[in-house]
Amino acid sequence: MKWITCYVGFLVFLIFFSWCSVLYILPYLKASYMTPSSKEVELVIPKQDNGDFNSTSPPENFSREVEPPKPAKQFTDSDKYLIESEKSGTNMLLDLPLRFSGLRSKEVELVMPKRHKEDFNFTSLPENFSRNVEPQKPAKHFTIRPEQIENTNSSYFVIFLVKSSCLFGTRRNCVRNTWGAVTEVNGKRFAVVFLIGVCPDEPSQASVQAESEKFGDILQSDVSDGYRDLADKVLSGYQWVYYHPKVTSDFYASTDDDCVINLALIYDYFLSNQKQFEAEPAVHCGFRYNEYERPVRGSSKYSVSKSIYPFDAFPPFCHGGLSVMPRAHLSDIYRQAEITERGDFHLEDVYINGILRSRLGKGNATIRRTYLESAQRHVPLYLGPFMWHVGYGIEIEENFDFAWRVVFNLMTVKVNNTSFTGFWPSSKYFHASARPYISIPSRVGIGTFFNDNFGFYKVLSGS
């Protein structure tokens, strides 16, 4: 019996000890382990030898004083806005150093040096793009035609073929209310034609039809309205130009419905060099010129499989934001399109400005980098880039108004019988006429706005 009593007593002691551990010891240990100030790491990691360790001062590159950045140049009334040049009146756009601006402009990319790649060598097109096929038009018929232009049978300086989509009515109205409302600059006429494919349903088709009846600036074809058939949509615009000789233009530009076009610079640049550009037909890259581009493999939006394009180098091409060409070059490109099998190749800028252009057999003589080519300019003022791509975010209307405020103030714009003189000194050179529904930007704070968003550095001084 005695040993039984001892055993029971021992069990009672164990139970009591366990109960005390749960109530007092474990919570204390848990709190000590979880507290931020605990040193549990030191318990499991041996101390390092500190004999040669000395943290009495930071490294030299963090301790030395540096020169503070120079403040951005601010414009004053006494500033001269003339771009300096080694040769007066020529080469004023060569190597112009520019800065990024709040307008999301791409000036810097336009003047970046070539990316030399020793292993990059475009020599020829794949066989599937080199052979000729039976002629076939990109569009079989047009559902809606731009009657506002066709009915005039007039000549234009530039007709802009604007890539759009059935559901992008807001973007088209942004264009119509801003740069698309300008009908002429110094007597040279401009026009806008929106390129649209097949609408996804009857309500959207009815909306586009009503839009066309109101503005008369839509060309709708039977090609797909999706991104992967964008090349056919652009070529349907070329087809309309090629087979409609009554509507003529000196130059044709391809752009997007989320871009703001700098009409003053377009006018000055292409009028100043018109004879040369018409004598040497080529596509002019108003957005960006790409000489070294490889196909993207994989599953991205821009991927092209080897079965579609087996080679590892694209021909040089203009990116799709803005490309400008005379009618002769557009006709040459379009004729190649009718006898080339596009297949599933969907990158419209590579296909039209690269592949079809290369089929002409003239090498890089048919493509020009606008900012880097030697060219004349009649107006010796900084006018910014040829275009701004403003459709990156959802605030498309706000972005349009932002860039349009610059473009408008480069000119003097006449609306009905009222003239609005722009802030920039170039407004005395460019006199534009516009439709009555054009948006008139506010003049409040215009000087500060240009200081913040339209800066430049002088060519020679680099200041």
Protein backbone atom coordinates (compact mmCIF):
# COMPACT_ATOMS: atom_id res chain seq x y z
CA MET A 1 0.00 0.00 0.00
CA LYS A 2 2.85 2.33 0.81
CA TRP A 3 4.26 2.18 -2.69
CA ILE A 4 0.83 2.83 -4.14
CA THR A 5 0.53 5.97 -2.00
CA CYS A 6 3.95 7.19 -3.21
CA TYR A 7 3.00 6.51 -6.84
CA VAL A 8 -0.27 8.43 -6.55
CA GLY A 9 1.54 11.30 -4.87
CA PHE A 10 4.08 11.41 -7.67
CA LEU A 11 1.30 11.55 -10.29
CA VAL A 12 -0.38 14.38 -8.42
CA PHE A 13 2.93 16.29 -8.40
CA LEU A 14 3.39 15.80 -12.15
CA ILE A 15 -0.12 17.02 -12.84
CA PHE A 16 0.39 20.08 -10.64
CA PHE A 17 3.76 20.87 -12.27
CA SER A 18 2.27 20.57 -15.76
CA TRP A 19 -0.61 22.84 -14.80
CA CYS A 20 1.79 25.47 -13.48
CA SER A 21 3.89 25.24 -16.66
CA VAL A 22 0.89 25.89 -18.85
CA LEU A 23 -0.28 28.85 -16.78
CA TYR A 24 2.99 30.61 -16.05
CA ILE A 25 6.13 29.29 -17.70
CA LEU A 26 5.02 28.74 -21.34
CA PRO A 27 3.33 32.17 -21.79
CA TYR A 28 6.50 33.83 -20.48
CA LEU A 29 8.72 31.90 -22.88
CA LYS A 30 6.35 32.60 -25.80
CA ALA A 31 6.29 36.32 -25.07
CA SER A 32 10.08 36.42 -24.79
CA TYR A 33 10.48 34.62 -28.12
CA MET A 34 7.95 36.73 -30.06
CA THR A 35 8.86 40.18 -28.74
CA PRO A 36 10.63 42.41 -31.30
CA SER A 37 13.41 43.17 -28.87
CA SER A 38 14.30 39.55 -28.31
CA LYS A 39 17.78 38.24 -29.07
CA GLU A 40 16.75 34.80 -30.25
CA VAL A 41 18.91 35.08 -33.37
CA GLU A 42 22.01 35.34 -31.26
CA LEU A 43 21.01 32.08 -29.59
CA VAL A 44 21.32 30.12 -32.80
CA ILE A 45 23.94 32.08 -34.76
CA PRO A 46 27.46 32.20 -33.41
CA LYS A 47 29.02 35.60 -32.99
CA GLN A 48 31.31 36.74 -35.76
CA ASP A 49 34.90 37.64 -35.12
CA ASN A 50 34.89 41.38 -34.56
CA GLY A 51 38.65 41.79 -34.40
CA ASP A 52 38.81 43.53 -37.78
CA PHE A 53 35.33 45.03 -37.67
CA ASN A 54 35.05 48.79 -37.23
CA SER A 55 31.90 50.79 -38.04
CA THR A 56 33.00 54.12 -36.64
CA SER A 57 32.42 55.90 -40.01
CA PRO A 58 30.48 55.25 -43.24
CA PRO A 59 32.21 54.40 -46.53
CA GLU A 60 33.89 57.28 -48.37
CA ASN A 61 31.37 57.30 -51.24
CA PHE A 62 28.54 57.91 -48.73
CA SER A 63 30.39 60.48 -46.63
CA ARG A 64 31.82 62.84 -49.24
CA GLU A 65 29.90 65.96 -50.20
CA VAL A 66 28.46 66.11 -53.70
CA GLU A 67 27.53 69.06 -55.83
CA PRO A 68 23.78 69.78 -55.68
CA PRO A 69 21.88 69.35 -58.98
CA LYS A 70 21.46 72.42 -61.14
CA PRO A 71 17.96 73.86 -61.20
CA ALA A 72 15.96 73.45 -64.40
CA LYS A 73 16.13 76.36 -66.82
CA GLN A 74 13.26 78.80 -66.38
CA PHE A 75 12.02 80.98 -69.22
CA THR A 76 11.77 84.73 -68.90
CA ASP A 77 10.40 87.38 -71.21
CA SER A 78 13.95 88.25 -72.28
CA ASP A 79 14.77 84.71 -73.39
CA LYS A 80 15.53 84.10 -77.03
CA TYR A 81 13.81 80.97 -78.21
CA LEU A 82 15.87 80.56 -81.35
CA ILE A 83 17.60 77.21 -81.67
CA GLU A 84 21.29 77.82 -82.24
CA SER A 85 22.94 75.97 -85.09
CA GLU A 86 26.39 75.74 -86.64
CA LYS A 87 24.85 76.45 -90.02
CA SER A 88 22.14 79.04 -89.97
CA GLY A 89 18.91 77.72 -91.41
CA THR A 90 20.10 74.14 -91.84
CA ASN A 91 20.47 71.01 -89.74
CA MET A 92 18.57 72.60 -86.87
CA LEU A 93 17.16 69.28 -85.72
CA LEU A 94 20.42 67.34 -85.65
CA ASP A 95 21.24 65.77 -82.28
CA LEU A 96 18.88 68.08 -80.43
CA PRO A 97 19.21 67.18 -76.73
CA LEU A 98 15.81 67.18 -75.09
CA ARG A 99 14.36 66.18 -71.75
CA PHE A 100 11.42 64.10 -70.65
CA SER A 101 8.33 66.21 -70.00
CA GLY A 102 5.04 65.86 -68.20
CA LEU A 103 3.46 65.39 -71.61
CA ARG A 104 4.74 61.81 -71.85
CA SER A 105 6.53 62.84 -75.02
CA LYS A 106 9.08 60.60 -76.69
CA GLU A 107 11.59 63.25 -77.77
CA VAL A 108 14.48 61.53 -76.03
CA GLU A 109 13.88 58.23 -77.79
CA LEU A 110 13.86 60.02 -81.14
CA VAL A 111 17.40 61.28 -80.71
CA MET A 112 18.96 58.31 -78.91
CA PRO A 113 22.14 57.00 -80.60
CA LYS A 114 22.10 53.75 -82.52
CA ARG A 115 22.27 50.56 -80.50
CA HIS A 116 25.14 48.81 -82.26
CA LYS A 117 24.88 45.05 -82.04
CA GLU A 118 27.69 43.04 -83.56
CA ASP A 119 25.58 39.92 -83.87
CA PHE A 120 22.59 41.73 -85.39
CA ASN A 121 22.36 41.57 -89.14
CA PHE A 122 19.20 41.92 -91.21
CA THR A 123 19.97 40.78 -94.73
CA SER A 124 16.74 39.45 -96.23
CA LEU A 125 13.14 38.52 -95.56
CA PRO A 126 11.93 34.98 -94.89
CA GLU A 127 10.77 33.09 -97.96
CA ASN A 128 7.10 33.28 -96.97
CA PHE A 129 7.27 37.10 -97.15
CA SER A 130 9.52 37.24 -100.23
CA ARG A 131 7.37 35.32 -102.70
CA ASN A 132 4.49 36.84 -104.64
CA VAL A 133 0.94 35.54 -104.36
CA GLU A 134 -2.23 36.14 -106.35
CA PRO A 135 -3.34 39.79 -105.89
CA GLN A 136 -5.88 40.24 -103.11
CA LYS A 137 -7.24 43.43 -101.57
CA PRO A 138 -7.15 43.78 -97.77
CA ALA A 139 -10.82 44.87 -97.69
CA LYS A 140 -13.54 43.47 -99.91
CA HIS A 141 -15.85 46.42 -99.38
CA PHE A 142 -16.36 49.56 -97.29
CA THR A 143 -19.42 49.83 -95.08
CA ILE A 144 -18.94 53.54 -94.31
CA ARG A 145 -16.97 56.07 -96.33
CA PRO A 146 -15.65 59.51 -95.26
CA GLU A 147 -18.15 61.59 -97.21
CA GLN A 148 -16.90 64.87 -95.77
CA ILE A 149 -13.67 64.33 -97.73
CA GLU A 150 -14.90 62.34 -100.72
CA ASN A 151 -17.61 64.85 -101.60
CA THR A 152 -15.19 67.76 -101.74
CA ASN A 153 -12.82 66.25 -104.33
CA SER A 154 -10.19 68.58 -102.92
CA SER A 155 -6.44 68.43 -102.54
CA TYR A 156 -4.83 68.32 -99.12
CA PHE A 157 -1.38 68.78 -97.70
CA VAL A 158 -1.68 65.92 -95.18
CA ILE A 159 -4.45 63.36 -94.66
CA PHE A 160 -4.15 61.55 -91.33
CA LEU A 161 -5.31 57.93 -91.34
CA VAL A 162 -6.14 57.39 -87.67
CA LYS A 163 -6.32 53.81 -86.38
CA SER A 164 -9.40 53.45 -84.21
CA SER A 165 -11.99 50.90 -83.12
CA CYS A 166 -15.77 50.74 -83.01
CA LEU A 167 -15.89 51.14 -79.25
CA PHE A 168 -13.41 54.05 -79.06
CA GLY A 169 -15.84 56.89 -79.73
CA THR A 170 -14.46 58.89 -76.80
CA ARG A 171 -11.00 58.88 -78.30
CA ARG A 172 -12.28 59.95 -81.70
CA ASN A 173 -14.10 62.88 -80.11
CA CYS A 174 -10.90 63.87 -78.31
CA VAL A 175 -9.19 64.06 -81.69
CA ARG A 176 -12.09 65.95 -83.28
CA ASN A 177 -12.16 68.51 -80.48
CA THR A 178 -8.41 69.15 -80.59
CA TRP A 179 -5.91 68.75 -83.42
CA GLY A 180 -8.43 67.04 -85.71
CA ALA A 181 -10.56 70.21 -85.78
CA VAL A 182 -7.79 72.19 -87.52
CA THR A 183 -8.61 72.35 -91.22
CA GLU A 184 -5.60 74.28 -92.50
CA VAL A 185 -2.33 75.93 -91.53
CA ASN A 186 -1.16 78.87 -93.66
CA GLY A 187 -3.52 77.78 -96.41
CA LYS A 188 -2.34 74.15 -96.44
CA ARG A 189 -5.27 71.81 -95.81
CA PHE A 190 -5.40 68.94 -93.30
CA ALA A 191 -7.94 66.15 -92.93
CA VAL A 192 -8.56 63.23 -90.57
CA VAL A 193 -10.00 59.82 -91.52
CA PHE A 194 -10.72 57.27 -88.78
CA LEU A 195 -10.11 53.63 -89.76
CA ILE A 196 -12.59 51.15 -88.23
CA GLY A 197 -13.30 47.46 -88.81
CA VAL A 198 -16.37 45.30 -88.22
CA CYS A 199 -18.30 46.25 -85.08
CA PRO A 200 -19.01 43.49 -82.53
CA ASP A 201 -22.78 44.07 -82.35
CA GLU A 202 -25.68 46.06 -83.80
CA PRO A 203 -25.81 48.78 -81.09
CA SER A 204 -22.14 49.68 -81.60
CA GLN A 205 -22.62 49.65 -85.39
CA ALA A 206 -25.62 51.98 -85.04
CA SER A 207 -23.54 54.30 -82.87
CA VAL A 208 -20.72 54.41 -85.43
CA GLN A 209 -23.25 55.02 -88.21
CA ALA A 210 -24.75 57.99 -86.34
CA GLU A 211 -21.25 59.31 -85.67
CA SER A 212 -20.42 59.08 -89.36
CA GLU A 213 -23.59 60.91 -90.39
CA LYS A 214 -22.67 63.75 -88.04
CA PHE A 215 -18.97 64.13 -88.89
CA GLY A 216 -18.39 62.25 -92.18
CA ASP A 217 -14.84 61.27 -91.24
CA ILE A 218 -15.04 57.46 -90.77
CA LEU A 219 -13.82 54.77 -93.15
CA GLN A 220 -15.23 51.41 -92.06
CA SER A 221 -14.21 48.25 -93.89
CA ASP A 222 -15.07 44.58 -93.55
CA VAL A 223 -11.75 43.69 -91.89
CA SER A 224 -11.63 42.55 -88.29
CA ASP A 225 -11.64 45.31 -85.67
CA GLY A 226 -9.27 43.42 -83.36
CA TYR A 227 -5.64 44.14 -82.58
CA ARG A 228 -4.23 41.14 -84.43
CA ASP A 229 -5.71 42.37 -87.74
CA LEU A 230 -4.53 45.96 -87.33
CA ALA A 231 -2.29 45.63 -90.40
CA ASP A 232 -5.30 44.94 -92.61
CA LYS A 233 -7.13 47.91 -91.08
CA VAL A 234 -4.27 50.27 -91.94
CA LEU A 235 -3.92 48.77 -95.40
CA SER A 236 -7.65 49.25 -95.97
CA GLY A 237 -6.94 52.96 -95.58
CA TYR A 238 -4.12 52.68 -98.13
CA GLN A 239 -6.54 50.82 -100.38
CA TRP A 240 -9.05 53.67 -100.16
CA VAL A 241 -6.35 56.18 -101.08
CA TYR A 242 -5.02 54.06 -103.94
CA TYR A 243 -8.39 53.46 -105.61
CA HIS A 244 -9.91 56.89 -104.94
CA PRO A 245 -7.84 59.26 -107.11
CA LYS A 246 -10.27 62.17 -106.74
CA VAL A 247 -9.11 62.69 -103.15
CA THR A 248 -5.45 63.63 -103.26
CA SER A 249 -2.92 64.68 -100.67
CA ASP A 250 0.76 65.54 -100.80
CA PHE A 251 1.45 63.39 -97.74
CA TYR A 252 -0.38 60.67 -95.83
CA ALA A 253 0.19 60.01 -92.15
CA SER A 254 -0.71 56.95 -90.10
CA THR A 255 -1.28 57.47 -86.38
CA ASP A 256 -3.38 56.25 -83.42
CA ASP A 257 -6.53 57.66 -81.87
CA ASP A 258 -4.69 58.23 -78.57
CA CYS A 259 -2.09 60.56 -80.07
CA VAL A 260 -1.90 64.36 -80.27
CA ILE A 261 -0.24 65.57 -83.47
CA ASN A 262 1.99 68.65 -83.57
CA LEU A 263 0.50 70.31 -86.66
CA ALA A 264 2.88 73.28 -86.59
CA LEU A 265 5.95 71.03 -86.80
CA ILE A 266 4.32 68.74 -89.39
CA TYR A 267 3.60 71.76 -91.55
CA ASP A 268 7.02 73.35 -91.18
CA TYR A 269 9.07 70.18 -91.60
CA PHE A 270 7.28 68.63 -94.57
CA LEU A 271 6.65 71.90 -96.43
CA SER A 272 10.29 72.93 -96.04
CA ASN A 273 11.46 69.63 -97.56
CA GLN A 274 8.52 68.81 -99.82
CA LYS A 275 10.41 68.79 -103.12
CA GLN A 276 13.12 66.49 -101.76
CA PHE A 277 10.68 64.16 -100.01
CA GLU A 278 8.51 63.79 -103.12
CA ALA A 279 11.54 63.21 -105.33
CA GLU A 280 12.90 60.55 -102.94
CA PRO A 281 9.79 58.63 -101.75
CA ALA A 282 10.25 57.18 -98.27
CA VAL A 283 8.44 56.68 -94.99
CA HIS A 284 9.33 59.25 -92.33
CA CYS A 285 9.32 58.09 -88.71
CA GLY A 286 7.58 60.79 -86.71
CA PHE A 287 7.46 58.71 -83.53
CA ARG A 288 10.41 56.34 -83.40
CA TYR A 289 12.75 54.61 -85.82
CA ASN A 290 13.93 51.11 -84.94
CA GLU A 291 16.93 49.70 -86.75
CA TYR A 292 17.72 46.81 -84.41
CA GLU A 293 14.64 44.81 -83.49
CA ARG A 294 14.30 41.10 -82.93
CA PRO A 295 11.10 39.07 -82.88
CA VAL A 296 9.74 38.52 -79.39
CA ARG A 297 9.22 34.84 -78.73
CA GLY A 298 6.84 33.57 -76.07
CA SER A 299 3.29 34.54 -75.14
CA SER A 300 3.26 38.34 -74.95
CA LYS A 301 1.10 40.69 -76.98
CA TYR A 302 4.01 41.28 -79.36
CA SER A 303 5.19 37.68 -79.69
CA VAL A 304 5.79 36.21 -83.13
CA SER A 305 6.46 32.50 -83.44
CA LYS A 306 9.24 31.07 -85.60
CA SER A 307 6.67 29.36 -87.79
CA ILE A 308 5.34 32.82 -88.74
CA TYR A 309 8.67 34.71 -88.90
CA PRO A 310 11.59 32.24 -88.73
CA PHE A 311 14.42 34.77 -88.94
CA ASP A 312 15.97 36.50 -85.91
CA ALA A 313 15.97 40.08 -87.22
CA PHE A 314 13.26 42.45 -88.42
CA PRO A 315 13.99 44.98 -91.16
CA PRO A 316 14.28 48.60 -89.94
CA PHE A 317 10.83 50.13 -89.44
CA CYS A 318 8.92 53.11 -88.07
CA HIS A 319 6.91 52.51 -84.92
CA GLY A 320 3.18 52.89 -85.41
CA GLY A 321 2.64 56.09 -83.40
CA LEU A 322 3.28 58.28 -86.44
CA SER A 323 4.65 57.59 -89.90
CA VAL A 324 4.38 60.00 -92.83
CA MET A 325 4.92 59.32 -96.53
CA PRO A 326 4.19 60.93 -99.91
CA ARG A 327 1.50 59.43 -102.11
CA ALA A 328 4.03 57.73 -104.41
CA HIS A 329 5.51 55.72 -101.53
CA LEU A 330 2.07 54.81 -100.17
CA SER A 331 1.14 53.48 -103.60
CA ASP A 332 4.34 51.41 -103.77
CA ILE A 333 3.67 49.92 -100.33
CA TYR A 334 0.05 49.15 -101.13
CA ARG A 335 0.89 47.34 -104.38
CA GLN A 336 3.24 45.10 -102.40
CA ALA A 337 0.48 44.42 -99.86
CA GLU A 338 -1.83 42.99 -102.53
CA ILE A 339 0.73 40.38 -103.61
CA THR A 340 2.16 39.48 -100.17
CA GLU A 341 0.78 36.78 -97.88
CA ARG A 342 0.59 38.31 -94.40
CA GLY A 343 -0.55 35.12 -92.74
CA ASP A 344 -0.79 35.51 -88.96
CA PHE A 345 1.86 38.21 -88.69
CA HIS A 346 0.09 40.88 -86.60
CA LEU A 347 2.63 43.65 -85.89
CA GLU A 348 1.31 46.27 -88.28
CA ASP A 349 4.23 48.71 -88.04
CA VAL A 350 6.82 45.99 -88.65
CA TYR A 351 4.76 44.51 -91.48
CA ILE A 352 3.94 47.74 -93.36
CA ASN A 353 6.93 49.98 -92.63
CA GLY A 354 9.42 47.11 -92.47
CA ILE A 355 8.47 43.97 -94.43
CA LEU A 356 6.43 45.51 -97.26
CA ARG A 357 8.89 48.39 -97.55
CA SER A 358 11.81 45.95 -97.78
CA ARG A 359 10.08 44.15 -100.65
CA LEU A 360 10.61 47.29 -102.74
CA GLY A 361 14.27 46.29 -102.97
CA LYS A 362 15.69 49.74 -102.22
CA GLY A 363 17.18 49.03 -98.81
CA ASN A 364 17.09 51.79 -96.23
CA ALA A 365 16.76 54.51 -98.85
CA THR A 366 12.99 54.26 -98.31
CA ILE A 367 12.99 55.02 -94.57
CA ARG A 368 14.04 58.20 -92.76
CA ARG A 369 14.53 59.21 -89.15
CA THR A 370 12.95 62.66 -89.08
CA TYR A 371 14.95 64.09 -86.18
CA LEU A 372 18.33 62.77 -87.31
CA GLU A 373 18.17 63.36 -91.05
CA SER A 374 19.60 66.56 -92.51
CA ALA A 375 16.58 68.67 -93.32
CA GLN A 376 15.48 72.25 -93.73
CA ARG A 377 13.24 74.19 -91.33
CA HIS A 378 11.75 77.56 -92.22
CA VAL A 379 10.77 78.47 -88.67
CA PRO A 380 13.91 78.60 -86.46
CA LEU A 381 12.13 77.81 -83.19
CA TYR A 382 11.91 74.81 -80.95
CA LEU A 383 8.50 73.25 -81.60
CA GLY A 384 8.71 70.04 -79.61
CA PRO A 385 8.15 66.52 -80.95
CA PHE A 386 5.98 65.54 -83.90
CA MET A 387 3.43 63.89 -81.63
CA TRP A 388 2.57 62.88 -78.09
CA HIS A 389 1.25 59.43 -77.25
CA VAL A 390 -1.18 60.21 -74.41
CA GLY A 391 -3.23 57.03 -74.16
CA TYR A 392 -1.16 55.22 -71.52
CA GLY A 393 -3.66 55.67 -68.68
CA ILE A 394 -7.40 55.83 -68.22
CA GLU A 395 -7.46 59.63 -68.06
CA ILE A 396 -7.45 59.90 -71.83
CA GLU A 397 -9.43 63.14 -72.04
CA GLU A 398 -7.27 64.87 -69.42
CA ASN A 399 -4.09 63.76 -71.21
CA PHE A 400 -5.44 65.01 -74.53
CA ASP A 401 -6.21 68.44 -73.09
CA PHE A 402 -2.74 68.57 -71.55
CA ALA A 403 -0.86 67.99 -74.82
CA TRP A 404 -3.37 69.97 -76.88
CA ARG A 405 -2.64 73.02 -74.74
CA VAL A 406 0.89 73.01 -76.11
CA VAL A 407 -0.06 72.35 -79.75
CA PHE A 408 -2.73 75.06 -79.72
CA ASN A 409 -0.31 77.65 -78.30
CA LEU A 410 2.24 77.04 -81.05
CA MET A 411 -0.18 78.63 -83.53
CA THR A 412 -2.64 81.47 -84.01
CA VAL A 413 -5.97 79.74 -84.46
CA LYS A 414 -8.96 81.34 -86.14
CA VAL A 415 -12.40 80.03 -85.18
CA ASN A 416 -15.25 81.65 -87.09
CA ASN A 417 -14.26 85.32 -86.96
CA THR A 418 -12.21 85.17 -83.76
CA SER A 419 -8.45 84.64 -83.66
CA PHE A 420 -6.60 83.18 -80.68
CA THR A 421 -2.89 83.98 -80.56
CA GLY A 422 -0.79 81.24 -78.97
CA PHE A 423 1.72 81.83 -76.17
CA TRP A 424 4.80 80.44 -77.95
CA PRO A 425 6.67 82.85 -80.30
CA SER A 426 5.97 80.48 -83.21
CA SER A 427 2.32 81.62 -83.19
CA LYS A 428 3.28 84.51 -85.47
CA TYR A 429 4.44 82.03 -88.12
CA PHE A 430 1.56 79.55 -88.07
CA HIS A 431 -1.97 80.78 -88.79
CA ALA A 432 -4.54 78.01 -88.56
CA SER A 433 -8.25 77.74 -89.24
CA ALA A 434 -10.47 75.38 -87.26
CA ARG A 435 -13.99 74.08 -87.03
CA PRO A 436 -16.30 75.82 -84.53
CA TYR A 437 -16.38 72.90 -82.09
CA ILE A 438 -12.63 73.05 -81.41
CA SER A 439 -11.59 73.13 -77.76
CA ILE A 440 -9.98 76.45 -76.71
CA PRO A 441 -7.44 75.85 -73.91
CA SER A 442 -7.28 78.16 -70.92
CA ARG A 443 -4.67 80.93 -70.83
CA VAL A 444 -4.47 80.92 -67.04
CA GLY A 445 -0.93 80.12 -65.89
CA ILE A 446 0.23 79.48 -69.44
CA GLY A 447 3.78 80.73 -68.80
CA THR A 448 4.27 78.40 -65.86
CA PHE A 449 2.74 75.56 -67.86
CA PHE A 450 5.30 75.97 -70.66
CA ASN A 451 8.14 76.27 -68.17
CA ASP A 452 7.15 73.00 -66.55
CA ASN A 453 6.27 71.00 -69.65
CA PHE A 454 7.97 72.41 -72.73
CA GLY A 455 11.59 72.95 -71.76
CA PHE A 456 14.52 72.60 -74.11
CA TYR A 457 18.29 72.87 -74.05
CA LYS A 458 20.27 74.88 -76.55
CA VAL A 459 22.01 72.76 -79.14
CA LEU A 460 25.50 74.14 -78.89
CA SER A 461 25.80 74.97 -75.20
CA GLY A 462 23.92 71.94 -73.90
CA SER A 463 22.75 74.08 -71.01
